[in-house]
Amino acid sequence: SNPWFPQVLRDEMEYDKRRDPDKYQHVWQGSYLTNSSARVFKNWTID
C-alpha cells in the first residue's frame, strides 16, 4: 500500500519471501509470530 516503497527495502522483502516464508509473513505481511519448532512444514518457499 506504500506508493513510495524504496527499492532497497523491496530487495530485502524479495529475499525474505524466497528464503524465509515465516519471516516474510511476520515482518512484511504483519502476520502473527509462529512457534517454528512446532511447525509441521519447513520445506517450502514462495516464488
All heavy atoms as atom14 arrays in JSON, in Angstrom:
{
  "sequence": "SNPWFPQVLRDEMEYDKRRDPDKYQHVWQGSYLTNSSARVFKNWTID",
  "atom14_mask": [
    [1, 1, 1, 1, 1, 1, 0, 0, 0, 0, 0, 0, 0, 0],
    [1, 1, 1, 1, 1, 1, 1, 1, 0, 0, 0, 0, 0, 0],
    [1, 1, 1, 1, 1, 1, 1, 0, 0, 0, 0, 0, 0, 0],
    [1, 1, 1, 1, 1, 1, 1, 1, 1, 1, 1, 1, 1, 1],
    [1, 1, 1, 1, 1, 1, 1, 1, 1, 1, 1, 0, 0, 0],
    [1, 1, 1, 1, 1, 1, 1, 0, 0, 0, 0, 0, 0, 0],
    [1, 1, 1, 1, 1, 1, 1, 1, 1, 0, 0, 0, 0, 0],
    [1, 1, 1, 1, 1, 1, 1, 0, 0, 0, 0, 0, 0, 0],
    [1, 1, 1, 1, 1, 1, 1, 1, 0, 0, 0, 0, 0, 0],
    [1, 1, 1, 1, 1, 1, 1, 1, 1, 1, 1, 0, 0, 0],
    [1, 1, 1, 1, 1, 1, 1, 1, 0, 0, 0, 0, 0, 0],
    [1, 1, 1, 1, 1, 1, 1, 1, 1, 0, 0, 0, 0, 0],
    [1, 1, 1, 1, 1, 1, 1, 1, 0, 0, 0, 0, 0, 0],
    [1, 1, 1, 1, 1, 1, 1, 1, 1, 0, 0, 0, 0, 0],
    [1, 1, 1, 1, 1, 1, 1, 1, 1, 1, 1, 1, 0, 0],
    [1, 1, 1, 1, 1, 1, 1, 1, 0, 0, 0, 0, 0, 0],
    [1, 1, 1, 1, 1, 1, 1, 1, 1, 0, 0, 0, 0, 0],
    [1, 1, 1, 1, 1, 1, 1, 1, 1, 1, 1, 0, 0, 0],
    [1, 1, 1, 1, 1, 1, 1, 1, 1, 1, 1, 0, 0, 0],
    [1, 1, 1, 1, 1, 1, 1, 1, 0, 0, 0, 0, 0, 0],
    [1, 1, 1, 1, 1, 1, 1, 0, 0, 0, 0, 0, 0, 0],
    [1, 1, 1, 1, 1, 1, 1, 1, 0, 0, 0, 0, 0, 0],
    [1, 1, 1, 1, 1, 1, 1, 1, 1, 0, 0, 0, 0, 0],
    [1, 1, 1, 1, 1, 1, 1, 1, 1, 1, 1, 1, 0, 0],
    [1, 1, 1, 1, 1, 1, 1, 1, 1, 0, 0, 0, 0, 0],
    [1, 1, 1, 1, 1, 1, 1, 1, 1, 1, 0, 0, 0, 0],
    [1, 1, 1, 1, 1, 1, 1, 0, 0, 0, 0, 0, 0, 0],
    [1, 1, 1, 1, 1, 1, 1, 1, 1, 1, 1, 1, 1, 1],
    [1, 1, 1, 1, 1, 1, 1, 1, 1, 0, 0, 0, 0, 0],
    [1, 1, 1, 1, 0, 0, 0, 0, 0, 0, 0, 0, 0, 0],
    [1, 1, 1, 1, 1, 1, 0, 0, 0, 0, 0, 0, 0, 0],
    [1, 1, 1, 1, 1, 1, 1, 1, 1, 1, 1, 1, 0, 0],
    [1, 1, 1, 1, 1, 1, 1, 1, 0, 0, 0, 0, 0, 0],
    [1, 1, 1, 1, 1, 1, 1, 0, 0, 0, 0, 0, 0, 0],
    [1, 1, 1, 1, 1, 1, 1, 1, 0, 0, 0, 0, 0, 0],
    [1, 1, 1, 1, 1, 1, 0, 0, 0, 0, 0, 0, 0, 0],
    [1, 1, 1, 1, 1, 1, 0, 0, 0, 0, 0, 0, 0, 0],
    [1, 1, 1, 1, 1, 0, 0, 0, 0, 0, 0, 0, 0, 0],
    [1, 1, 1, 1, 1, 1, 1, 1, 1, 1, 1, 0, 0, 0],
    [1, 1, 1, 1, 1, 1, 1, 0, 0, 0, 0, 0, 0, 0],
    [1, 1, 1, 1, 1, 1, 1, 1, 1, 1, 1, 0, 0, 0],
    [1, 1, 1, 1, 1, 1, 1, 1, 1, 0, 0, 0, 0, 0],
    [1, 1, 1, 1, 1, 1, 1, 1, 0, 0, 0, 0, 0, 0],
    [1, 1, 1, 1, 1, 1, 1, 1, 1, 1, 1, 1, 1, 1],
    [1, 1, 1, 1, 1, 1, 1, 0, 0, 0, 0, 0, 0, 0],
    [1, 1, 1, 1, 1, 1, 1, 1, 0, 0, 0, 0, 0, 0],
    [1, 1, 1, 1, 1, 1, 1, 1, 0, 0, 0, 0, 0, 0]
  ],
  "atom14_positions": [
    [[0.81, -1.22, 0.0], [0.0, 0.0, 0.0], [0.84, 1.26, 0.0], [0.3, 2.37, 0.01], [-0.92, 0.01, 1.23], [-1.74, -1.14, 1.28], [0.0, 0.0, 0.0], [0.0, 0.0, 0.0], [0.0, 0.0, 0.0], [0.0, 0.0, 0.0], [0.0, 0.0, 0.0], [0.0, 0.0, 0.0], [0.0, 0.0, 0.0], [0.0, 0.0, 0.0]],
    [[2.16, 1.11, 0.01], [3.06, 2.26, 0.09], [3.53, 2.65, -1.31], [4.36, 1.95, -1.9], [4.26, 1.92, 0.98], [5.19, 3.1, 1.17], [4.96, 4.19, 0.63], [6.24, 2.9, 1.95], [0.0, 0.0, 0.0], [0.0, 0.0, 0.0], [0.0, 0.0, 0.0], [0.0, 0.0, 0.0], [0.0, 0.0, 0.0], [0.0, 0.0, 0.0]],
    [[3.06, 3.77, -1.84], [3.48, 4.17, -3.19], [4.94, 4.61, -3.26], [5.48, 4.75, -4.35], [2.54, 5.34, -3.51], [2.11, 5.87, -2.19], [2.08, 4.7, -1.25], [0.0, 0.0, 0.0], [0.0, 0.0, 0.0], [0.0, 0.0, 0.0], [0.0, 0.0, 0.0], [0.0, 0.0, 0.0], [0.0, 0.0, 0.0], [0.0, 0.0, 0.0]],
    [[5.58, 4.8, -2.1], [6.98, 5.23, -2.08], [7.87, 4.15, -1.47], [8.92, 4.45, -0.9], [7.1, 6.53, -1.28], [6.16, 7.59, -1.8], [6.25, 8.27, -2.98], [4.95, 8.04, -1.17], [5.2, 9.14, -3.12], [4.38, 9.03, -2.02], [4.3, 7.74, 0.04], [3.19, 9.68, -1.72], [3.13, 8.39, 0.34], [2.58, 9.35, -0.52]],
    [[7.47, 2.91, -1.6], [8.26, 1.78, -1.06], [9.62, 1.75, -1.76], [9.7, 1.55, -2.97], [7.5, 0.48, -1.3], [8.11, -0.72, -0.64], [8.34, -0.75, 0.72], [8.45, -1.84, -1.39], [8.89, -1.86, 1.33], [9.0, -2.96, -0.8], [9.23, -2.97, 0.57], [0.0, 0.0, 0.0], [0.0, 0.0, 0.0], [0.0, 0.0, 0.0]],
    [[10.72, 1.95, -1.02], [12.03, 2.08, -1.67], [12.56, 0.75, -2.2], [12.25, -0.32, -1.65], [12.91, 2.62, -0.54], [12.25, 2.19, 0.72], [10.78, 2.16, 0.44], [0.0, 0.0, 0.0], [0.0, 0.0, 0.0], [0.0, 0.0, 0.0], [0.0, 0.0, 0.0], [0.0, 0.0, 0.0], [0.0, 0.0, 0.0], [0.0, 0.0, 0.0]],
    [[13.38, 0.82, -3.21], [13.91, -0.38, -3.85], [14.77, -1.19, -2.89], [14.76, -2.43, -2.93], [14.74, 0.01, -5.09], [15.21, -1.2, -5.91], [14.06, -2.04, -6.44], [13.08, -1.5, -6.96], [14.17, -3.36, -6.33], [0.0, 0.0, 0.0], [0.0, 0.0, 0.0], [0.0, 0.0, 0.0], [0.0, 0.0, 0.0], [0.0, 0.0, 0.0]],
    [[15.53, -0.51, -2.02], [16.39, -1.25, -1.1], [15.56, -2.15, -0.17], [15.95, -3.28, 0.14], [17.28, -0.28, -0.28], [16.44, 0.63, 0.6], [18.3, -1.04, 0.55], [0.0, 0.0, 0.0], [0.0, 0.0, 0.0], [0.0, 0.0, 0.0], [0.0, 0.0, 0.0], [0.0, 0.0, 0.0], [0.0, 0.0, 0.0], [0.0, 0.0, 0.0]],
    [[14.39, -1.66, 0.27], [13.51, -2.49, 1.08], [12.83, -3.56, 0.24], [12.6, -4.68, 0.72], [12.45, -1.63, 1.78], [12.91, -0.84, 3.0], [11.73, -0.13, 3.65], [13.61, -1.73, 4.02], [0.0, 0.0, 0.0], [0.0, 0.0, 0.0], [0.0, 0.0, 0.0], [0.0, 0.0, 0.0], [0.0, 0.0, 0.0], [0.0, 0.0, 0.0]],
    [[12.52, -3.25, -1.0], [11.92, -4.25, -1.89], [12.87, -5.44, -2.09], [12.45, -6.59, -2.09], [11.56, -3.63, -3.23], [10.76, -4.57, -4.14], [10.29, -3.86, -5.4], [9.38, -2.78, -5.08], [8.08, -2.94, -4.83], [7.55, -4.16, -4.86], [7.32, -1.9, -4.55], [0.0, 0.0, 0.0], [0.0, 0.0, 0.0], [0.0, 0.0, 0.0]],
    [[14.15, -5.15, -2.23], [15.13, -6.22, -2.38], [15.18, -7.1, -1.13], [15.26, -8.33, -1.21], [16.52, -5.64, -2.65], [16.61, -4.94, -4.01], [15.75, -5.24, -4.88], [17.52, -4.12, -4.21], [0.0, 0.0, 0.0], [0.0, 0.0, 0.0], [0.0, 0.0, 0.0], [0.0, 0.0, 0.0], [0.0, 0.0, 0.0], [0.0, 0.0, 0.0]],
    [[15.13, -6.45, 0.05], [15.12, -7.22, 1.31], [13.86, -8.06, 1.42], [13.9, -9.22, 1.85], [15.21, -6.25, 2.49], [16.52, -5.49, 2.61], [17.68, -6.4, 2.97], [17.44, -7.45, 3.6], [18.82, -6.06, 2.62], [0.0, 0.0, 0.0], [0.0, 0.0, 0.0], [0.0, 0.0, 0.0], [0.0, 0.0, 0.0], [0.0, 0.0, 0.0]],
    [[12.73, -7.47, 1.04], [11.47, -8.19, 1.1], [11.49, -9.41, 0.17], [11.09, -10.51, 0.57], [10.33, -7.25, 0.72], [8.94, -7.87, 0.67], [8.55, -8.68, -0.93], [8.54, -7.25, -2.01], [0.0, 0.0, 0.0], [0.0, 0.0, 0.0], [0.0, 0.0, 0.0], [0.0, 0.0, 0.0], [0.0, 0.0, 0.0], [0.0, 0.0, 0.0]],
    [[11.97, -9.23, -1.05], [12.01, -10.33, -2.01], [12.93, -11.45, -1.53], [12.65, -12.63, -1.73], [12.48, -9.82, -3.38], [11.48, -8.9, -4.08], [10.25, -9.64, -4.57], [10.22, -10.88, -4.5], [9.31, -8.97, -5.02], [0.0, 0.0, 0.0], [0.0, 0.0, 0.0], [0.0, 0.0, 0.0], [0.0, 0.0, 0.0], [0.0, 0.0, 0.0]],
    [[14.02, -11.09, -0.87], [14.92, -12.1, -0.34], [14.22, -12.94, 0.73], [14.27, -14.17, 0.72], [16.17, -11.44, 0.25], [17.16, -12.44, 0.84], [18.08, -13.08, 0.03], [17.13, -12.74, 2.2], [18.97, -14.01, 0.57], [18.01, -13.67, 2.74], [18.93, -14.3, 1.92], [19.79, -15.22, 2.45], [0.0, 0.0, 0.0], [0.0, 0.0, 0.0]],
    [[13.57, -12.27, 1.69], [12.86, -12.99, 2.75], [11.72, -13.83, 2.18], [11.45, -14.94, 2.65], [12.3, -12.02, 3.78], [13.39, -11.41, 4.65], [14.48, -12.0, 4.72], [13.15, -10.34, 5.24], [0.0, 0.0, 0.0], [0.0, 0.0, 0.0], [0.0, 0.0, 0.0], [0.0, 0.0, 0.0], [0.0, 0.0, 0.0], [0.0, 0.0, 0.0]],
    [[11.06, -13.31, 1.16], [9.95, -14.02, 0.53], [10.41, -15.35, -0.06], [9.71, -16.37, 0.04], [9.34, -13.13, -0.55], [8.1, -13.67, -1.23], [7.59, -12.65, -2.23], [6.4, -13.16, -3.0], [5.91, -12.15, -3.97], [0.0, 0.0, 0.0], [0.0, 0.0, 0.0], [0.0, 0.0, 0.0], [0.0, 0.0, 0.0], [0.0, 0.0, 0.0]],
    [[11.6, -15.35, -0.66], [12.13, -16.57, -1.28], [12.72, -17.52, -0.25], [12.56, -18.73, -0.36], [13.2, -16.21, -2.31], [12.7, -15.48, -3.55], [13.79, -15.42, -4.61], [15.01, -14.82, -4.11], [15.27, -13.51, -4.17], [14.37, -12.69, -4.71], [16.39, -13.02, -3.7], [0.0, 0.0, 0.0], [0.0, 0.0, 0.0], [0.0, 0.0, 0.0]],
    [[13.42, -16.97, 0.73], [14.26, -17.8, 1.6], [13.66, -18.11, 2.97], [14.04, -19.09, 3.59], [15.62, -17.1, 1.81], [16.38, -16.86, 0.53], [16.78, -18.15, -0.14], [17.58, -17.91, -1.34], [18.01, -18.87, -2.16], [17.72, -20.12, -1.88], [18.71, -18.57, -3.23], [0.0, 0.0, 0.0], [0.0, 0.0, 0.0], [0.0, 0.0, 0.0]],
    [[12.78, -17.26, 3.46], [12.27, -17.43, 4.82], [10.8, -17.02, 4.87], [10.47, -15.92, 5.3], [13.1, -16.58, 5.79], [12.87, -16.96, 7.24], [11.81, -17.56, 7.53], [13.72, -16.65, 8.1], [0.0, 0.0, 0.0], [0.0, 0.0, 0.0], [0.0, 0.0, 0.0], [0.0, 0.0, 0.0], [0.0, 0.0, 0.0], [0.0, 0.0, 0.0]],
    [[9.9, -17.9, 4.43], [8.47, -17.55, 4.37], [7.9, -17.1, 5.71], [7.05, -16.21, 5.74], [7.82, -18.84, 3.88], [8.9, -19.56, 3.14], [10.16, -19.25, 3.9], [0.0, 0.0, 0.0], [0.0, 0.0, 0.0], [0.0, 0.0, 0.0], [0.0, 0.0, 0.0], [0.0, 0.0, 0.0], [0.0, 0.0, 0.0], [0.0, 0.0, 0.0]],
    [[8.33, -17.71, 6.82], [7.83, -17.3, 8.13], [8.18, -15.85, 8.42], [7.34, -15.06, 8.85], [8.41, -18.19, 9.23], [7.65, -19.5, 9.35], [6.64, -19.66, 8.65], [8.08, -20.36, 10.14], [0.0, 0.0, 0.0], [0.0, 0.0, 0.0], [0.0, 0.0, 0.0], [0.0, 0.0, 0.0], [0.0, 0.0, 0.0], [0.0, 0.0, 0.0]],
    [[9.44, -15.52, 8.19], [9.88, -14.15, 8.42], [9.14, -13.19, 7.49], [8.72, -12.09, 7.92], [11.38, -14.04, 8.2], [11.94, -12.65, 8.46], [13.45, -12.63, 8.25], [14.02, -11.23, 8.49], [15.48, -11.19, 8.25], [0.0, 0.0, 0.0], [0.0, 0.0, 0.0], [0.0, 0.0, 0.0], [0.0, 0.0, 0.0], [0.0, 0.0, 0.0]],
    [[8.97, -13.58, 6.25], [8.26, -12.73, 5.28], [6.85, -12.44, 5.76], [6.4, -11.29, 5.73], [8.24, -13.42, 3.92], [7.3, -12.77, 2.92], [7.64, -11.59, 2.28], [6.06, -13.35, 2.63], [6.78, -10.99, 1.37], [5.19, -12.77, 1.72], [5.55, -11.58, 1.1], [4.69, -10.99, 0.21], [0.0, 0.0, 0.0], [0.0, 0.0, 0.0]],
    [[6.13, -13.47, 6.19], [4.75, -13.28, 6.62], [4.66, -12.38, 7.84], [3.77, -11.52, 7.94], [4.1, -14.64, 6.9], [3.79, -15.45, 5.67], [2.75, -14.78, 4.8], [1.73, -14.29, 5.27], [3.0, -14.75, 3.5], [0.0, 0.0, 0.0], [0.0, 0.0, 0.0], [0.0, 0.0, 0.0], [0.0, 0.0, 0.0], [0.0, 0.0, 0.0]],
    [[5.57, -12.55, 8.8], [5.51, -11.74, 10.01], [6.03, -10.33, 9.78], [5.34, -9.34, 10.08], [6.32, -12.4, 11.13], [6.45, -11.55, 12.35], [5.36, -11.12, 13.07], [7.55, -11.02, 12.96], [5.77, -10.36, 14.08], [7.08, -10.28, 14.02], [0.0, 0.0, 0.0], [0.0, 0.0, 0.0], [0.0, 0.0, 0.0], [0.0, 0.0, 0.0]],
    [[7.22, -10.22, 9.21], [7.87, -8.91, 9.09], [7.22, -8.04, 8.03], [7.0, -6.84, 8.24], [9.38, -9.09, 8.79], [10.03, -7.75, 8.47], [10.07, -9.75, 9.97], [0.0, 0.0, 0.0], [0.0, 0.0, 0.0], [0.0, 0.0, 0.0], [0.0, 0.0, 0.0], [0.0, 0.0, 0.0], [0.0, 0.0, 0.0], [0.0, 0.0, 0.0]],
    [[6.87, -8.64, 6.88], [6.4, -7.85, 5.75], [4.89, -7.85, 5.57], [4.33, -6.9, 5.03], [7.08, -8.32, 4.46], [8.56, -8.21, 4.52], [9.45, -9.22, 4.78], [9.35, -7.02, 4.34], [10.74, -8.74, 4.78], [10.71, -7.39, 4.51], [9.05, -5.69, 4.06], [11.75, -6.47, 4.4], [10.09, -4.77, 3.95], [11.42, -5.17, 4.11]],
    [[4.22, -8.92, 5.99], [2.77, -9.0, 5.83], [2.01, -8.78, 7.12], [0.78, -8.75, 7.12], [2.39, -10.37, 5.25], [2.86, -10.59, 3.83], [2.08, -9.77, 2.82], [1.1, -9.1, 3.16], [2.51, -9.78, 1.56], [0.0, 0.0, 0.0], [0.0, 0.0, 0.0], [0.0, 0.0, 0.0], [0.0, 0.0, 0.0], [0.0, 0.0, 0.0]],
    [[2.72, -8.64, 8.24], [2.05, -8.33, 9.5], [1.32, -9.5, 10.12], [0.42, -9.31, 10.95], [0.0, 0.0, 0.0], [0.0, 0.0, 0.0], [0.0, 0.0, 0.0], [0.0, 0.0, 0.0], [0.0, 0.0, 0.0], [0.0, 0.0, 0.0], [0.0, 0.0, 0.0], [0.0, 0.0, 0.0], [0.0, 0.0, 0.0], [0.0, 0.0, 0.0]],
    [[1.7, -10.75, 9.77], [1.09, -11.93, 10.38], [1.65, -12.14, 11.78], [2.74, -11.67, 12.11], [1.33, -13.17, 9.52], [0.77, -13.02, 8.24], [0.0, 0.0, 0.0], [0.0, 0.0, 0.0], [0.0, 0.0, 0.0], [0.0, 0.0, 0.0], [0.0, 0.0, 0.0], [0.0, 0.0, 0.0], [0.0, 0.0, 0.0], [0.0, 0.0, 0.0]],
    [[0.92, -12.91, 12.58], [1.39, -13.22, 13.92], [2.63, -14.12, 13.86], [2.81, -14.89, 12.91], [0.3, -13.94, 14.72], [-0.91, -13.09, 15.02], [-2.18, -13.49, 14.62], [-0.79, -11.89, 15.71], [-3.3, -12.72, 14.89], [-1.9, -11.12, 16.0], [-3.15, -11.54, 15.59], [-4.25, -10.77, 15.86], [0.0, 0.0, 0.0], [0.0, 0.0, 0.0]],
    [[3.46, -14.0, 14.89], [4.6, -14.9, 15.02], [4.11, -16.33, 15.23], [3.06, -16.56, 15.84], [5.46, -14.49, 16.21], [6.45, -13.35, 16.0], [7.05, -12.95, 17.36], [7.56, -13.75, 15.06], [0.0, 0.0, 0.0], [0.0, 0.0, 0.0], [0.0, 0.0, 0.0], [0.0, 0.0, 0.0], [0.0, 0.0, 0.0], [0.0, 0.0, 0.0]],
    [[4.86, -17.28, 14.73], [4.51, -18.69, 14.93], [5.61, -19.39, 15.7], [6.76, -18.95, 15.72], [4.32, -19.41, 13.59], [5.54, -19.32, 12.83], [3.19, -18.77, 12.79], [0.0, 0.0, 0.0], [0.0, 0.0, 0.0], [0.0, 0.0, 0.0], [0.0, 0.0, 0.0], [0.0, 0.0, 0.0], [0.0, 0.0, 0.0], [0.0, 0.0, 0.0]],
    [[5.25, -20.49, 16.35], [6.24, -21.32, 17.03], [6.89, -22.22, 15.98], [6.34, -23.24, 15.58], [5.57, -22.17, 18.12], [6.58, -22.95, 18.94], [7.68, -23.26, 18.49], [6.2, -23.28, 20.16], [0.0, 0.0, 0.0], [0.0, 0.0, 0.0], [0.0, 0.0, 0.0], [0.0, 0.0, 0.0], [0.0, 0.0, 0.0], [0.0, 0.0, 0.0]],
    [[8.04, -21.83, 15.5], [8.67, -22.55, 14.4], [9.06, -23.97, 14.78], [9.15, -24.85, 13.93], [9.9, -21.78, 13.9], [10.85, -21.62, 14.94], [0.0, 0.0, 0.0], [0.0, 0.0, 0.0], [0.0, 0.0, 0.0], [0.0, 0.0, 0.0], [0.0, 0.0, 0.0], [0.0, 0.0, 0.0], [0.0, 0.0, 0.0], [0.0, 0.0, 0.0]],
    [[9.3, -24.22, 16.07], [9.67, -25.57, 16.49], [8.51, -26.54, 16.33], [8.71, -27.72, 16.07], [10.14, -25.56, 17.95], [11.29, -24.76, 18.1], [0.0, 0.0, 0.0], [0.0, 0.0, 0.0], [0.0, 0.0, 0.0], [0.0, 0.0, 0.0], [0.0, 0.0, 0.0], [0.0, 0.0, 0.0], [0.0, 0.0, 0.0], [0.0, 0.0, 0.0]],
    [[7.28, -26.05, 16.52], [6.12, -26.92, 16.42], [5.56, -26.99, 15.01], [4.69, -27.81, 14.73], [5.02, -26.42, 17.37], [0.0, 0.0, 0.0], [0.0, 0.0, 0.0], [0.0, 0.0, 0.0], [0.0, 0.0, 0.0], [0.0, 0.0, 0.0], [0.0, 0.0, 0.0], [0.0, 0.0, 0.0], [0.0, 0.0, 0.0], [0.0, 0.0, 0.0]],
    [[6.06, -26.16, 14.11], [5.51, -26.09, 12.76], [5.83, -27.37, 11.99], [6.94, -27.88, 12.02], [6.07, -24.86, 12.05], [5.46, -24.58, 10.72], [5.7, -23.14, 10.31], [7.07, -22.72, 10.54], [8.07, -22.94, 9.69], [7.84, -23.6, 8.58], [9.27, -22.5, 9.95], [0.0, 0.0, 0.0], [0.0, 0.0, 0.0], [0.0, 0.0, 0.0]],
    [[4.85, -27.87, 11.25], [5.0, -29.14, 10.52], [5.88, -28.96, 9.29], [6.79, -29.75, 9.04], [3.61, -29.68, 10.11], [3.77, -30.91, 9.21], [2.79, -30.03, 11.35], [0.0, 0.0, 0.0], [0.0, 0.0, 0.0], [0.0, 0.0, 0.0], [0.0, 0.0, 0.0], [0.0, 0.0, 0.0], [0.0, 0.0, 0.0], [0.0, 0.0, 0.0]],
    [[5.62, -27.92, 8.51], [6.31, -27.74, 7.23], [7.36, -26.64, 7.31], [7.06, -25.5, 7.65], [5.31, -27.41, 6.12], [4.36, -28.53, 5.8], [3.05, -28.49, 6.24], [4.78, -29.63, 5.06], [2.17, -29.52, 5.95], [3.91, -30.66, 4.77], [2.6, -30.61, 5.21], [0.0, 0.0, 0.0], [0.0, 0.0, 0.0], [0.0, 0.0, 0.0]],
    [[8.58, -27.03, 6.95], [9.65, -26.05, 6.78], [10.3, -26.17, 5.41], [11.23, -25.44, 5.08], [10.71, -26.23, 7.86], [10.24, -25.82, 9.25], [11.4, -25.78, 10.23], [10.96, -25.23, 11.57], [12.08, -25.12, 12.53], [0.0, 0.0, 0.0], [0.0, 0.0, 0.0], [0.0, 0.0, 0.0], [0.0, 0.0, 0.0], [0.0, 0.0, 0.0]],
    [[9.78, -27.08, 4.61], [10.38, -27.41, 3.32], [9.69, -26.67, 2.17], [9.41, -27.25, 1.14], [10.3, -28.92, 3.08], [8.87, -29.45, 3.19], [8.09, -28.95, 3.99], [8.53, -30.45, 2.4], [0.0, 0.0, 0.0], [0.0, 0.0, 0.0], [0.0, 0.0, 0.0], [0.0, 0.0, 0.0], [0.0, 0.0, 0.0], [0.0, 0.0, 0.0]],
    [[9.43, -25.36, 2.36], [8.68, -24.65, 1.33], [9.17, -23.21, 1.18], [9.75, -22.64, 2.1], [7.19, -24.66, 1.65], [6.81, -23.95, 2.92], [6.99, -24.4, 4.2], [6.19, -22.67, 3.04], [6.51, -23.48, 5.1], [6.01, -22.4, 4.42], [5.74, -21.73, 2.12], [5.42, -21.23, 4.88], [5.15, -20.56, 2.58], [5.0, -20.33, 3.95]],
    [[8.93, -22.69, -0.02], [9.27, -21.3, -0.32], [8.14, -20.7, -1.16], [7.28, -21.43, -1.68], [10.59, -21.18, -1.11], [10.49, -21.96, -2.31], [11.77, -21.66, -0.29], [0.0, 0.0, 0.0], [0.0, 0.0, 0.0], [0.0, 0.0, 0.0], [0.0, 0.0, 0.0], [0.0, 0.0, 0.0], [0.0, 0.0, 0.0], [0.0, 0.0, 0.0]],
    [[8.16, -19.39, -1.29], [7.19, -18.67, -2.12], [7.92, -18.13, -3.34], [8.96, -17.48, -3.21], [6.55, -17.5, -1.34], [5.92, -18.01, -0.04], [5.52, -16.78, -2.2], [5.53, -16.9, 0.92], [0.0, 0.0, 0.0], [0.0, 0.0, 0.0], [0.0, 0.0, 0.0], [0.0, 0.0, 0.0], [0.0, 0.0, 0.0], [0.0, 0.0, 0.0]],
    [[7.4, -18.4, -4.52], [8.05, -17.91, -5.73], [7.05, -17.91, -6.88], [6.12, -18.73, -6.9], [9.25, -18.78, -6.1], [10.28, -18.03, -6.93], [10.03, -16.85, -7.25], [11.33, -18.61, -7.24], [0.0, 0.0, 0.0], [0.0, 0.0, 0.0], [0.0, 0.0, 0.0], [0.0, 0.0, 0.0], [0.0, 0.0, 0.0], [0.0, 0.0, 0.0]]
  ]
}
